[in-house]
N, C-alpha and C. Protein backbone atom coordinates (compact mmCIF):
# COMPACT_ATOMS: atom_id res chain seq x y z
N MET A 1 -64.98 -0.74 -30.65
CA MET A 1 -64.38 0.23 -29.76
C MET A 1 -63.60 -0.47 -28.65
N THR A 2 -64.16 -1.52 -28.08
CA THR A 2 -63.50 -2.27 -27.03
C THR A 2 -62.22 -2.90 -27.56
N ARG A 3 -62.32 -3.34 -28.78
CA ARG A 3 -61.15 -3.96 -29.39
C ARG A 3 -60.01 -2.94 -29.54
N ILE A 4 -60.29 -1.72 -29.88
CA ILE A 4 -59.29 -0.67 -30.02
C ILE A 4 -58.65 -0.37 -28.66
N ILE A 5 -59.47 -0.32 -27.61
CA ILE A 5 -58.96 -0.05 -26.26
C ILE A 5 -58.04 -1.17 -25.82
N TRP A 6 -58.47 -2.42 -26.04
CA TRP A 6 -57.62 -3.56 -25.65
C TRP A 6 -56.32 -3.59 -26.45
N THR A 7 -56.39 -3.27 -27.70
CA THR A 7 -55.18 -3.22 -28.53
C THR A 7 -54.24 -2.13 -28.01
N GLY A 8 -54.80 -1.00 -27.63
CA GLY A 8 -53.99 0.10 -27.07
C GLY A 8 -53.34 -0.30 -25.75
N ILE A 9 -54.10 -0.97 -24.87
CA ILE A 9 -53.57 -1.39 -23.57
C ILE A 9 -52.45 -2.41 -23.76
N VAL A 10 -52.68 -3.39 -24.64
CA VAL A 10 -51.65 -4.42 -24.89
C VAL A 10 -50.42 -3.78 -25.52
N SER A 11 -50.61 -2.87 -26.45
CA SER A 11 -49.48 -2.18 -27.08
C SER A 11 -48.69 -1.37 -26.05
N LEU A 12 -49.41 -0.68 -25.18
CA LEU A 12 -48.76 0.10 -24.14
C LEU A 12 -47.99 -0.81 -23.18
N ALA A 13 -48.58 -1.94 -22.81
CA ALA A 13 -47.91 -2.89 -21.91
C ALA A 13 -46.65 -3.44 -22.56
N LEU A 14 -46.75 -3.80 -23.85
CA LEU A 14 -45.57 -4.32 -24.55
C LEU A 14 -44.48 -3.25 -24.67
N PHE A 15 -44.88 -2.01 -24.90
CA PHE A 15 -43.92 -0.92 -24.99
C PHE A 15 -43.20 -0.71 -23.65
N VAL A 16 -43.97 -0.69 -22.57
CA VAL A 16 -43.38 -0.51 -21.23
C VAL A 16 -42.45 -1.67 -20.91
N LEU A 17 -42.89 -2.88 -21.24
CA LEU A 17 -42.06 -4.06 -20.98
C LEU A 17 -40.76 -4.02 -21.77
N ALA A 18 -40.83 -3.63 -23.01
CA ALA A 18 -39.63 -3.57 -23.86
C ALA A 18 -38.68 -2.48 -23.38
N SER A 19 -39.22 -1.35 -22.97
CA SER A 19 -38.34 -0.26 -22.54
C SER A 19 -37.70 -0.54 -21.19
N THR A 20 -38.39 -1.24 -20.30
CA THR A 20 -37.80 -1.55 -18.99
C THR A 20 -36.79 -2.68 -19.08
N SER A 21 -36.90 -3.54 -20.07
CA SER A 21 -35.91 -4.61 -20.19
C SER A 21 -34.55 -4.03 -20.54
N GLY A 22 -34.51 -2.97 -21.30
CA GLY A 22 -33.25 -2.28 -21.60
C GLY A 22 -32.68 -1.61 -20.36
N LEU A 23 -33.55 -1.10 -19.50
CA LEU A 23 -33.09 -0.48 -18.26
C LEU A 23 -32.55 -1.52 -17.30
N ALA A 24 -33.08 -2.71 -17.36
CA ALA A 24 -32.60 -3.76 -16.46
C ALA A 24 -31.16 -4.12 -16.78
N ASP A 25 -30.78 -4.01 -18.05
CA ASP A 25 -29.41 -4.31 -18.43
C ASP A 25 -28.45 -3.20 -18.01
N ALA A 26 -28.93 -1.97 -17.95
CA ALA A 26 -28.06 -0.83 -17.64
C ALA A 26 -27.38 -0.97 -16.27
N PRO A 27 -28.10 -1.30 -15.19
CA PRO A 27 -27.40 -1.44 -13.92
C PRO A 27 -26.36 -2.55 -13.93
N SER A 28 -26.66 -3.67 -14.63
CA SER A 28 -25.68 -4.75 -14.65
C SER A 28 -24.45 -4.33 -15.45
N GLU A 29 -24.65 -3.54 -16.52
CA GLU A 29 -23.52 -3.02 -17.29
C GLU A 29 -22.69 -2.07 -16.43
N LEU A 30 -23.39 -1.25 -15.64
CA LEU A 30 -22.70 -0.32 -14.76
C LEU A 30 -21.91 -1.09 -13.70
N ALA A 31 -22.52 -2.11 -13.13
CA ALA A 31 -21.83 -2.94 -12.13
C ALA A 31 -20.64 -3.65 -12.75
N LEU A 32 -20.80 -4.11 -13.98
CA LEU A 32 -19.71 -4.78 -14.70
C LEU A 32 -18.54 -3.81 -14.92
N GLN A 33 -18.85 -2.59 -15.30
CA GLN A 33 -17.81 -1.58 -15.52
C GLN A 33 -17.09 -1.25 -14.20
N LYS A 34 -17.85 -1.15 -13.12
CA LYS A 34 -17.24 -0.87 -11.81
C LYS A 34 -16.29 -1.99 -11.41
N ARG A 35 -16.71 -3.23 -11.60
CA ARG A 35 -15.85 -4.37 -11.27
C ARG A 35 -14.60 -4.37 -12.15
N MET A 36 -14.77 -4.01 -13.42
CA MET A 36 -13.62 -3.96 -14.33
C MET A 36 -12.62 -2.92 -13.84
N TRP A 37 -13.09 -1.74 -13.41
CA TRP A 37 -12.18 -0.69 -12.95
C TRP A 37 -11.46 -1.10 -11.67
N VAL A 38 -12.16 -1.82 -10.80
CA VAL A 38 -11.52 -2.29 -9.55
C VAL A 38 -10.40 -3.27 -9.88
N ILE A 39 -10.67 -4.21 -10.78
CA ILE A 39 -9.65 -5.19 -11.18
C ILE A 39 -8.51 -4.50 -11.91
N ALA A 40 -8.83 -3.55 -12.79
CA ALA A 40 -7.81 -2.84 -13.56
C ALA A 40 -6.88 -2.04 -12.64
N GLU A 41 -7.39 -1.59 -11.51
CA GLU A 41 -6.55 -0.86 -10.54
C GLU A 41 -5.54 -1.78 -9.87
N GLU A 42 -5.85 -3.06 -9.81
CA GLU A 42 -4.97 -4.04 -9.14
C GLU A 42 -3.90 -4.61 -10.07
N LEU A 43 -3.91 -4.19 -11.33
CA LEU A 43 -2.94 -4.70 -12.31
C LEU A 43 -2.03 -3.58 -12.79
N ASP A 44 -0.72 -3.85 -12.85
CA ASP A 44 0.23 -2.91 -13.41
C ASP A 44 0.22 -3.03 -14.93
N CYS A 45 0.29 -1.90 -15.60
CA CYS A 45 0.39 -1.92 -17.06
C CYS A 45 1.79 -2.42 -17.42
N PRO A 46 1.88 -3.46 -18.24
CA PRO A 46 3.20 -4.00 -18.60
C PRO A 46 4.09 -3.05 -19.40
N VAL A 47 3.50 -2.06 -20.08
CA VAL A 47 4.30 -1.15 -20.90
C VAL A 47 4.47 0.24 -20.28
N CYS A 48 3.69 0.56 -19.25
CA CYS A 48 3.78 1.88 -18.61
C CYS A 48 4.31 1.71 -17.20
N GLU A 49 5.50 2.19 -16.96
CA GLU A 49 6.13 2.01 -15.66
C GLU A 49 5.39 2.81 -14.59
N GLY A 50 4.96 2.12 -13.55
CA GLY A 50 4.34 2.78 -12.40
C GLY A 50 2.87 3.11 -12.57
N HIS A 51 2.25 2.72 -13.66
CA HIS A 51 0.83 3.01 -13.88
C HIS A 51 0.03 1.72 -13.85
N SER A 52 -1.18 1.84 -13.30
CA SER A 52 -2.06 0.68 -13.32
C SER A 52 -2.74 0.60 -14.69
N VAL A 53 -3.39 -0.52 -14.94
CA VAL A 53 -4.14 -0.70 -16.18
C VAL A 53 -5.29 0.31 -16.22
N ARG A 54 -5.79 0.68 -15.04
CA ARG A 54 -6.87 1.67 -14.97
C ARG A 54 -6.37 3.04 -15.41
N GLU A 55 -5.18 3.42 -14.99
CA GLU A 55 -4.65 4.76 -15.27
C GLU A 55 -4.11 4.91 -16.69
N SER A 56 -3.66 3.83 -17.26
CA SER A 56 -2.95 3.89 -18.54
C SER A 56 -3.91 3.96 -19.72
N ASN A 57 -3.49 4.70 -20.73
CA ASN A 57 -4.24 4.75 -21.99
C ASN A 57 -3.49 4.04 -23.11
N ALA A 58 -2.46 3.28 -22.75
CA ALA A 58 -1.71 2.52 -23.75
C ALA A 58 -2.63 1.48 -24.39
N ALA A 59 -2.31 1.13 -25.61
CA ALA A 59 -3.14 0.17 -26.35
C ALA A 59 -3.25 -1.15 -25.59
N LEU A 60 -2.15 -1.59 -24.98
CA LEU A 60 -2.17 -2.85 -24.24
C LEU A 60 -3.09 -2.75 -23.02
N ALA A 61 -3.08 -1.60 -22.34
CA ALA A 61 -3.95 -1.42 -21.17
C ALA A 61 -5.42 -1.44 -21.58
N VAL A 62 -5.74 -0.81 -22.70
CA VAL A 62 -7.12 -0.82 -23.21
C VAL A 62 -7.52 -2.25 -23.55
N GLN A 63 -6.61 -2.98 -24.18
CA GLN A 63 -6.88 -4.39 -24.52
C GLN A 63 -7.09 -5.21 -23.25
N MET A 64 -6.29 -4.95 -22.22
CA MET A 64 -6.44 -5.69 -20.96
C MET A 64 -7.79 -5.38 -20.31
N ARG A 65 -8.22 -4.11 -20.36
CA ARG A 65 -9.53 -3.75 -19.80
C ARG A 65 -10.65 -4.46 -20.55
N ASN A 66 -10.53 -4.53 -21.88
CA ASN A 66 -11.54 -5.25 -22.67
C ASN A 66 -11.54 -6.74 -22.33
N THR A 67 -10.37 -7.30 -22.10
CA THR A 67 -10.28 -8.72 -21.70
C THR A 67 -10.94 -8.93 -20.35
N ILE A 68 -10.74 -7.98 -19.43
CA ILE A 68 -11.36 -8.09 -18.10
C ILE A 68 -12.88 -8.12 -18.25
N VAL A 69 -13.42 -7.21 -19.07
CA VAL A 69 -14.88 -7.17 -19.27
C VAL A 69 -15.36 -8.48 -19.88
N ALA A 70 -14.65 -8.98 -20.88
CA ALA A 70 -15.06 -10.24 -21.53
C ALA A 70 -15.04 -11.39 -20.53
N LYS A 71 -14.04 -11.43 -19.69
CA LYS A 71 -13.95 -12.52 -18.71
C LYS A 71 -15.02 -12.38 -17.63
N LEU A 72 -15.34 -11.14 -17.24
CA LEU A 72 -16.43 -10.94 -16.27
C LEU A 72 -17.77 -11.37 -16.87
N GLU A 73 -17.98 -11.04 -18.14
CA GLU A 73 -19.21 -11.46 -18.82
C GLU A 73 -19.29 -12.97 -18.93
N ALA A 74 -18.13 -13.63 -19.05
CA ALA A 74 -18.09 -15.09 -19.14
C ALA A 74 -18.25 -15.75 -17.77
N GLY A 75 -18.29 -14.93 -16.72
CA GLY A 75 -18.53 -15.49 -15.38
C GLY A 75 -17.28 -15.77 -14.57
N HIS A 76 -16.12 -15.32 -15.02
CA HIS A 76 -14.89 -15.54 -14.26
C HIS A 76 -14.87 -14.66 -13.01
N SER A 77 -14.25 -15.16 -11.95
CA SER A 77 -14.13 -14.39 -10.72
C SER A 77 -12.93 -13.45 -10.81
N GLU A 78 -12.86 -12.53 -9.87
CA GLU A 78 -11.74 -11.58 -9.84
C GLU A 78 -10.41 -12.31 -9.70
N SER A 79 -10.37 -13.32 -8.83
CA SER A 79 -9.11 -14.04 -8.63
C SER A 79 -8.71 -14.83 -9.88
N GLN A 80 -9.69 -15.36 -10.61
CA GLN A 80 -9.38 -16.08 -11.85
C GLN A 80 -8.80 -15.12 -12.90
N ILE A 81 -9.37 -13.93 -12.96
CA ILE A 81 -8.89 -12.93 -13.93
C ILE A 81 -7.48 -12.48 -13.56
N MET A 82 -7.24 -12.25 -12.27
CA MET A 82 -5.91 -11.84 -11.82
C MET A 82 -4.89 -12.94 -12.14
N GLN A 83 -5.29 -14.19 -11.91
CA GLN A 83 -4.39 -15.31 -12.19
C GLN A 83 -4.11 -15.43 -13.69
N PHE A 84 -5.12 -15.16 -14.51
CA PHE A 84 -4.95 -15.19 -15.96
C PHE A 84 -3.85 -14.21 -16.38
N PHE A 85 -3.93 -12.98 -15.87
CA PHE A 85 -2.93 -11.97 -16.24
C PHE A 85 -1.56 -12.29 -15.64
N ALA A 86 -1.53 -12.86 -14.43
CA ALA A 86 -0.25 -13.24 -13.82
C ALA A 86 0.40 -14.36 -14.63
N ASP A 87 -0.40 -15.30 -15.11
CA ASP A 87 0.14 -16.38 -15.95
C ASP A 87 0.66 -15.84 -17.28
N ARG A 88 -0.05 -14.86 -17.82
CA ARG A 88 0.30 -14.34 -19.13
C ARG A 88 1.49 -13.37 -19.09
N TYR A 89 1.52 -12.48 -18.08
CA TYR A 89 2.56 -11.44 -18.03
C TYR A 89 3.54 -11.61 -16.87
N GLY A 90 3.34 -12.62 -16.05
CA GLY A 90 4.22 -12.83 -14.90
C GLY A 90 3.64 -12.19 -13.64
N PRO A 91 4.10 -12.61 -12.47
CA PRO A 91 3.54 -12.09 -11.22
C PRO A 91 3.82 -10.61 -11.01
N GLY A 92 4.75 -10.03 -11.76
CA GLY A 92 5.04 -8.61 -11.63
C GLY A 92 3.91 -7.72 -12.09
N VAL A 93 2.94 -8.27 -12.81
CA VAL A 93 1.81 -7.48 -13.28
C VAL A 93 0.82 -7.21 -12.13
N LEU A 94 0.90 -8.01 -11.07
CA LEU A 94 0.01 -7.82 -9.93
C LEU A 94 0.55 -6.71 -9.04
N ARG A 95 -0.29 -5.73 -8.72
CA ARG A 95 0.16 -4.63 -7.86
C ARG A 95 0.36 -5.10 -6.43
N ASN A 96 -0.40 -6.09 -5.99
CA ASN A 96 -0.23 -6.69 -4.67
C ASN A 96 0.30 -8.10 -4.88
N PRO A 97 1.59 -8.32 -4.66
CA PRO A 97 2.15 -9.65 -4.91
C PRO A 97 1.51 -10.71 -4.01
N PRO A 98 1.52 -11.96 -4.45
CA PRO A 98 0.92 -13.02 -3.63
C PRO A 98 1.67 -13.17 -2.31
N ARG A 99 0.95 -13.59 -1.30
CA ARG A 99 1.55 -13.74 0.04
C ARG A 99 1.97 -15.18 0.27
N GLU A 100 2.78 -15.68 -0.64
CA GLU A 100 3.27 -17.06 -0.53
C GLU A 100 4.61 -17.17 -1.23
N GLY A 101 5.35 -18.18 -0.88
CA GLY A 101 6.63 -18.44 -1.52
C GLY A 101 7.63 -17.31 -1.33
N LEU A 102 8.39 -17.05 -2.38
CA LEU A 102 9.43 -16.03 -2.32
C LEU A 102 8.84 -14.63 -2.18
N ALA A 103 7.66 -14.39 -2.72
CA ALA A 103 7.02 -13.08 -2.64
C ALA A 103 6.59 -12.75 -1.21
N LEU A 104 6.56 -13.75 -0.35
CA LEU A 104 6.20 -13.51 1.05
C LEU A 104 7.19 -12.54 1.70
N GLY A 105 8.43 -12.55 1.24
CA GLY A 105 9.44 -11.63 1.76
C GLY A 105 9.07 -10.17 1.55
N VAL A 106 8.34 -9.88 0.48
CA VAL A 106 7.90 -8.51 0.22
C VAL A 106 6.96 -8.04 1.32
N TRP A 107 6.17 -8.94 1.86
CA TRP A 107 5.21 -8.59 2.90
C TRP A 107 5.84 -8.63 4.30
N ILE A 108 6.74 -9.57 4.53
CA ILE A 108 7.31 -9.75 5.87
C ILE A 108 8.54 -8.87 6.07
N GLY A 109 9.30 -8.62 5.02
CA GLY A 109 10.55 -7.88 5.12
C GLY A 109 10.45 -6.51 5.78
N PRO A 110 9.56 -5.63 5.32
CA PRO A 110 9.49 -4.29 5.92
C PRO A 110 9.18 -4.28 7.42
N PRO A 111 8.20 -5.05 7.92
CA PRO A 111 7.97 -5.04 9.37
C PRO A 111 9.18 -5.56 10.15
N ILE A 112 9.86 -6.56 9.60
CA ILE A 112 11.05 -7.09 10.29
C ILE A 112 12.14 -6.02 10.31
N ALA A 113 12.35 -5.33 9.21
CA ALA A 113 13.37 -4.28 9.16
C ALA A 113 13.04 -3.14 10.13
N ILE A 114 11.78 -2.76 10.21
CA ILE A 114 11.37 -1.71 11.15
C ILE A 114 11.60 -2.17 12.58
N GLY A 115 11.23 -3.41 12.88
CA GLY A 115 11.46 -3.95 14.22
C GLY A 115 12.94 -3.98 14.57
N PHE A 116 13.76 -4.42 13.63
CA PHE A 116 15.21 -4.45 13.85
C PHE A 116 15.74 -3.04 14.10
N GLY A 117 15.27 -2.08 13.33
CA GLY A 117 15.70 -0.69 13.50
C GLY A 117 15.31 -0.14 14.87
N LEU A 118 14.10 -0.46 15.33
CA LEU A 118 13.67 0.00 16.66
C LEU A 118 14.52 -0.61 17.76
N VAL A 119 14.80 -1.90 17.65
CA VAL A 119 15.65 -2.57 18.64
C VAL A 119 17.04 -1.93 18.65
N LEU A 120 17.58 -1.65 17.48
CA LEU A 120 18.89 -1.01 17.38
C LEU A 120 18.87 0.38 18.01
N LEU A 121 17.82 1.14 17.75
CA LEU A 121 17.69 2.47 18.35
C LEU A 121 17.63 2.40 19.87
N LEU A 122 16.82 1.48 20.40
CA LEU A 122 16.72 1.32 21.85
C LEU A 122 18.07 0.93 22.43
N TRP A 123 18.79 0.06 21.76
CA TRP A 123 20.10 -0.37 22.25
C TRP A 123 21.07 0.82 22.30
N VAL A 124 21.05 1.66 21.25
CA VAL A 124 21.94 2.83 21.22
C VAL A 124 21.58 3.80 22.34
N PHE A 125 20.29 4.06 22.55
CA PHE A 125 19.88 4.97 23.63
C PHE A 125 20.25 4.41 25.00
N ALA A 126 20.03 3.13 25.20
CA ALA A 126 20.38 2.52 26.49
C ALA A 126 21.88 2.59 26.72
N ARG A 127 22.65 2.39 25.69
CA ARG A 127 24.11 2.44 25.83
C ARG A 127 24.58 3.86 26.14
N SER A 128 23.97 4.85 25.50
CA SER A 128 24.37 6.23 25.77
C SER A 128 23.97 6.65 27.19
N LYS A 129 22.84 6.17 27.69
CA LYS A 129 22.43 6.45 29.08
C LYS A 129 23.43 5.82 30.04
N HIS A 130 23.82 4.59 29.74
CA HIS A 130 24.78 3.89 30.60
C HIS A 130 26.12 4.64 30.61
N ALA A 131 26.53 5.15 29.47
CA ALA A 131 27.78 5.90 29.39
C ALA A 131 27.68 7.19 30.19
N ALA A 132 26.51 7.84 30.16
CA ALA A 132 26.32 9.08 30.92
C ALA A 132 26.38 8.79 32.42
N ARG A 133 25.78 7.69 32.86
CA ARG A 133 25.83 7.31 34.28
C ARG A 133 27.27 7.03 34.70
N THR A 134 28.02 6.38 33.85
CA THR A 134 29.41 6.06 34.16
C THR A 134 30.21 7.35 34.32
N GLN A 135 29.96 8.34 33.50
CA GLN A 135 30.70 9.60 33.61
C GLN A 135 30.36 10.34 34.89
N LYS A 136 29.12 10.23 35.38
CA LYS A 136 28.73 10.89 36.62
C LYS A 136 29.47 10.27 37.80
N GLY A 137 29.69 9.00 37.77
CA GLY A 137 30.34 8.32 38.88
C GLY A 137 31.86 8.26 38.74
N THR A 138 32.43 9.03 37.84
CA THR A 138 33.88 9.00 37.62
C THR A 138 34.61 9.56 38.84
N ASP A 139 35.71 8.96 39.17
CA ASP A 139 36.52 9.39 40.31
C ASP A 139 37.25 10.68 39.96
N LEU A 140 36.93 11.76 40.65
CA LEU A 140 37.53 13.06 40.40
C LEU A 140 38.55 13.43 41.49
N SER A 141 38.94 12.47 42.31
CA SER A 141 39.85 12.78 43.43
C SER A 141 41.18 13.35 42.94
N GLY A 142 41.67 12.87 41.81
CA GLY A 142 42.92 13.39 41.26
C GLY A 142 42.80 14.86 40.90
N TYR A 143 41.70 15.22 40.27
CA TYR A 143 41.47 16.61 39.90
C TYR A 143 41.29 17.47 41.15
N GLU A 144 40.56 16.93 42.12
CA GLU A 144 40.34 17.67 43.37
C GLU A 144 41.68 17.92 44.08
N GLN A 145 42.56 16.95 44.04
CA GLN A 145 43.88 17.11 44.66
C GLN A 145 44.68 18.20 43.96
N VAL A 146 44.61 18.25 42.64
CA VAL A 146 45.32 19.28 41.88
C VAL A 146 44.77 20.65 42.26
N VAL A 147 43.44 20.77 42.38
CA VAL A 147 42.83 22.05 42.76
C VAL A 147 43.30 22.47 44.15
N LYS A 148 43.34 21.55 45.10
CA LYS A 148 43.81 21.86 46.46
C LYS A 148 45.26 22.31 46.44
N ASP A 149 46.09 21.62 45.66
CA ASP A 149 47.50 22.00 45.57
C ASP A 149 47.66 23.40 44.98
N LEU A 150 46.86 23.69 43.96
CA LEU A 150 46.93 25.02 43.35
C LEU A 150 46.47 26.10 44.33
N GLN A 151 45.45 25.77 45.12
CA GLN A 151 44.99 26.74 46.12
C GLN A 151 46.07 27.00 47.17
N LYS A 152 46.74 25.94 47.62
CA LYS A 152 47.82 26.09 48.60
C LYS A 152 48.94 26.94 48.01
N LEU A 153 49.30 26.65 46.76
CA LEU A 153 50.35 27.39 46.09
C LEU A 153 49.97 28.86 45.97
N HIS A 154 48.73 29.11 45.66
CA HIS A 154 48.23 30.48 45.53
C HIS A 154 48.30 31.20 46.88
N GLN A 155 47.93 30.49 47.95
CA GLN A 155 47.98 31.10 49.29
C GLN A 155 49.43 31.42 49.68
N ARG A 156 50.36 30.56 49.39
CA ARG A 156 51.77 30.80 49.71
C ARG A 156 52.31 32.01 48.95
N SER A 157 51.90 32.08 47.67
CA SER A 157 52.39 33.21 46.88
C SER A 157 51.81 34.52 47.40
N ASN A 158 50.60 34.49 47.93
CA ASN A 158 50.00 35.69 48.48
C ASN A 158 50.70 36.09 49.79
N LYS A 159 51.12 35.13 50.61
CA LYS A 159 51.79 35.41 51.87
C LYS A 159 53.18 35.99 51.62
N SER A 160 53.84 35.49 50.64
CA SER A 160 55.20 35.95 50.38
C SER A 160 55.21 37.33 49.72
N SER A 161 54.17 37.77 49.09
CA SER A 161 54.19 39.07 48.45
C SER A 161 53.81 40.12 49.39
């Protein structure tokens, strides 16, 4: 009888151990899939204009996602995987271009253009204010003299009638 109880306990322990080992793999698989989707979002699909590898259902995008999973399972880092695809398909496959070399212009250009535009706007406003001030200080003595002459002429015509 004791032997049957011990056999049952050992069998139950082995069953619990075997079933939990499968569960231990599930979270790592889930984490692996999450990492794959994050990396896939950072890559442009080479055959689908404007779509990431995550969004695309093209055969090449599916193949790229499978490659990402295989490389993650092999222990490659995110940057190594991104570099692999950049080497294979060119730097245009990266949704965020590298911040070095010629691609640095993509990152620096827009802020410089915005700054230049703001300076230009300020210059135009300052110039228009200066022009308005100049018009306020314009010498109107000639016009005032014409008005006085017209008033005198008007008074003379009234006296003679």
